[in-house]
Amino acid sequence: ARAEPSAGHYRLDAVRAHLLERAGEREAARAAYRAAADGTLSEPEARYLRARAERLGP
């Protein structure tokens, strides 16, 4: 868990999540999408990233 979201850092998590998803690493991708959602200050973006995580399963 991050104490303070740093500008742009969540994008690294989002890209990592996308690449992990493409590689078939669903659990790791889900965690990375959630980390990205936690790191953004944009609520619409956070909702999108959480939705991506949710579609990968529980």
N, C-alpha and C. Protein backbone atom coordinates (compact mmCIF):
# COMPACT_ATOMS: atom_id res chain seq x y z
N ALA A 1 0.85 -1.19 0.00
CA ALA A 1 0.00 0.00 0.00
C ALA A 1 0.88 1.24 0.00
N ARG A 2 0.48 2.18 -0.80
CA ARG A 2 1.24 3.42 -0.90
C ARG A 2 0.67 4.45 0.05
N ALA A 3 1.53 5.23 0.69
CA ALA A 3 1.08 6.30 1.56
C ALA A 3 0.53 7.45 0.74
N GLU A 4 1.21 7.83 -0.31
CA GLU A 4 0.80 8.93 -1.18
C GLU A 4 0.91 8.49 -2.63
N PRO A 5 -0.16 8.66 -3.41
CA PRO A 5 -0.03 8.34 -4.84
C PRO A 5 0.93 9.30 -5.52
N SER A 6 1.84 8.79 -6.30
CA SER A 6 2.76 9.68 -7.00
C SER A 6 2.30 9.81 -8.44
N ALA A 7 2.35 11.01 -8.95
CA ALA A 7 1.83 11.31 -10.30
C ALA A 7 2.46 10.39 -11.33
N GLY A 8 1.63 9.69 -12.06
CA GLY A 8 2.11 8.86 -13.15
C GLY A 8 2.55 7.46 -12.75
N HIS A 9 2.84 7.23 -11.48
CA HIS A 9 3.35 5.93 -11.05
C HIS A 9 2.31 4.83 -11.28
N TYR A 10 1.05 5.14 -11.09
CA TYR A 10 0.01 4.13 -11.28
C TYR A 10 -0.01 3.63 -12.72
N ARG A 11 0.46 4.45 -13.64
CA ARG A 11 0.48 4.03 -15.04
C ARG A 11 1.43 2.85 -15.25
N LEU A 12 2.50 2.82 -14.50
CA LEU A 12 3.41 1.67 -14.58
C LEU A 12 2.69 0.39 -14.15
N ASP A 13 1.91 0.50 -13.07
CA ASP A 13 1.14 -0.66 -12.62
C ASP A 13 0.12 -1.07 -13.67
N ALA A 14 -0.51 -0.10 -14.33
CA ALA A 14 -1.51 -0.40 -15.36
C ALA A 14 -0.88 -1.11 -16.55
N VAL A 15 0.28 -0.63 -16.97
CA VAL A 15 0.98 -1.27 -18.10
C VAL A 15 1.43 -2.67 -17.69
N ARG A 16 1.96 -2.80 -16.49
CA ARG A 16 2.38 -4.11 -15.99
C ARG A 16 1.19 -5.07 -15.98
N ALA A 17 0.05 -4.58 -15.52
CA ALA A 17 -1.16 -5.41 -15.48
C ALA A 17 -1.55 -5.88 -16.87
N HIS A 18 -1.52 -4.97 -17.82
CA HIS A 18 -1.89 -5.31 -19.20
C HIS A 18 -0.95 -6.39 -19.75
N LEU A 19 0.33 -6.21 -19.54
CA LEU A 19 1.30 -7.19 -20.05
C LEU A 19 1.16 -8.54 -19.35
N LEU A 20 0.93 -8.51 -18.05
CA LEU A 20 0.72 -9.76 -17.32
C LEU A 20 -0.54 -10.47 -17.80
N GLU A 21 -1.59 -9.69 -18.06
CA GLU A 21 -2.82 -10.28 -18.57
C GLU A 21 -2.58 -10.95 -19.92
N ARG A 22 -1.87 -10.29 -20.79
CA ARG A 22 -1.57 -10.86 -22.12
C ARG A 22 -0.73 -12.12 -22.00
N ALA A 23 0.12 -12.18 -20.97
CA ALA A 23 0.98 -13.35 -20.77
C ALA A 23 0.25 -14.49 -20.06
N GLY A 24 -1.02 -14.25 -19.70
CA GLY A 24 -1.79 -15.30 -19.04
C GLY A 24 -1.63 -15.35 -17.54
N GLU A 25 -0.97 -14.36 -16.98
CA GLU A 25 -0.74 -14.30 -15.53
C GLU A 25 -1.89 -13.54 -14.87
N ARG A 26 -3.05 -14.19 -14.81
CA ARG A 26 -4.28 -13.50 -14.39
C ARG A 26 -4.22 -12.98 -12.95
N GLU A 27 -3.71 -13.76 -12.03
CA GLU A 27 -3.67 -13.34 -10.62
C GLU A 27 -2.75 -12.13 -10.45
N ALA A 28 -1.57 -12.17 -11.05
CA ALA A 28 -0.64 -11.05 -10.96
C ALA A 28 -1.20 -9.82 -11.67
N ALA A 29 -1.87 -10.03 -12.79
CA ALA A 29 -2.48 -8.91 -13.52
C ALA A 29 -3.57 -8.26 -12.68
N ARG A 30 -4.38 -9.08 -12.03
CA ARG A 30 -5.45 -8.56 -11.18
C ARG A 30 -4.87 -7.69 -10.07
N ALA A 31 -3.80 -8.15 -9.44
CA ALA A 31 -3.16 -7.38 -8.38
C ALA A 31 -2.59 -6.07 -8.91
N ALA A 32 -2.00 -6.11 -10.09
CA ALA A 32 -1.42 -4.90 -10.67
C ALA A 32 -2.51 -3.90 -11.07
N TYR A 33 -3.64 -4.39 -11.60
CA TYR A 33 -4.76 -3.49 -11.91
C TYR A 33 -5.27 -2.83 -10.63
N ARG A 34 -5.37 -3.59 -9.57
CA ARG A 34 -5.84 -3.02 -8.30
C ARG A 34 -4.85 -1.99 -7.76
N ALA A 35 -3.57 -2.28 -7.89
CA ALA A 35 -2.56 -1.31 -7.45
C ALA A 35 -2.65 -0.03 -8.27
N ALA A 36 -2.87 -0.17 -9.56
CA ALA A 36 -3.03 1.01 -10.42
C ALA A 36 -4.26 1.80 -10.02
N ALA A 37 -5.36 1.11 -9.73
CA ALA A 37 -6.59 1.79 -9.31
C ALA A 37 -6.38 2.54 -8.00
N ASP A 38 -5.62 1.94 -7.09
CA ASP A 38 -5.34 2.59 -5.81
C ASP A 38 -4.42 3.80 -5.98
N GLY A 39 -3.64 3.81 -7.04
CA GLY A 39 -2.66 4.87 -7.23
C GLY A 39 -3.14 6.09 -7.98
N THR A 40 -4.27 5.98 -8.68
CA THR A 40 -4.74 7.13 -9.45
C THR A 40 -5.64 8.02 -8.60
N LEU A 41 -5.63 9.29 -8.89
CA LEU A 41 -6.51 10.24 -8.21
C LEU A 41 -7.81 10.43 -8.99
N SER A 42 -7.89 9.87 -10.18
CA SER A 42 -9.07 9.99 -11.04
C SER A 42 -10.06 8.87 -10.72
N GLU A 43 -11.22 9.23 -10.22
CA GLU A 43 -12.21 8.20 -9.88
C GLU A 43 -12.69 7.43 -11.11
N PRO A 44 -12.96 8.08 -12.25
CA PRO A 44 -13.35 7.29 -13.43
C PRO A 44 -12.27 6.30 -13.86
N GLU A 45 -11.02 6.72 -13.79
CA GLU A 45 -9.92 5.83 -14.16
C GLU A 45 -9.82 4.67 -13.16
N ALA A 46 -9.98 4.98 -11.89
CA ALA A 46 -9.93 3.94 -10.86
C ALA A 46 -11.04 2.92 -11.08
N ARG A 47 -12.25 3.39 -11.42
CA ARG A 47 -13.36 2.47 -11.70
C ARG A 47 -13.03 1.57 -12.88
N TYR A 48 -12.45 2.14 -13.93
CA TYR A 48 -12.07 1.36 -15.11
C TYR A 48 -11.05 0.28 -14.73
N LEU A 49 -10.03 0.67 -13.98
CA LEU A 49 -8.98 -0.28 -13.61
C LEU A 49 -9.52 -1.38 -12.69
N ARG A 50 -10.41 -1.01 -11.76
CA ARG A 50 -11.03 -2.02 -10.89
C ARG A 50 -11.88 -2.99 -11.71
N ALA A 51 -12.58 -2.46 -12.71
CA ALA A 51 -13.39 -3.32 -13.58
C ALA A 51 -12.51 -4.30 -14.35
N ARG A 52 -11.36 -3.82 -14.80
CA ARG A 52 -10.43 -4.73 -15.50
C ARG A 52 -9.98 -5.84 -14.55
N ALA A 53 -9.69 -5.47 -13.30
CA ALA A 53 -9.27 -6.47 -12.32
C ALA A 53 -10.39 -7.47 -12.06
N GLU A 54 -11.61 -6.98 -11.91
CA GLU A 54 -12.74 -7.85 -11.60
C GLU A 54 -13.04 -8.84 -12.72
N ARG A 55 -12.85 -8.44 -13.95
CA ARG A 55 -13.18 -9.37 -15.04
C ARG A 55 -12.18 -10.51 -15.13
N LEU A 56 -11.07 -10.39 -14.41
CA LEU A 56 -10.08 -11.48 -14.39
C LEU A 56 -10.42 -12.54 -13.34
N GLY A 57 -11.46 -12.30 -12.55
CA GLY A 57 -11.88 -13.28 -11.56
C GLY A 57 -11.64 -12.83 -10.15
N PRO A 58 -12.06 -13.68 -9.19
CA PRO A 58 -11.94 -13.31 -7.76
C PRO A 58 -10.52 -13.33 -7.25
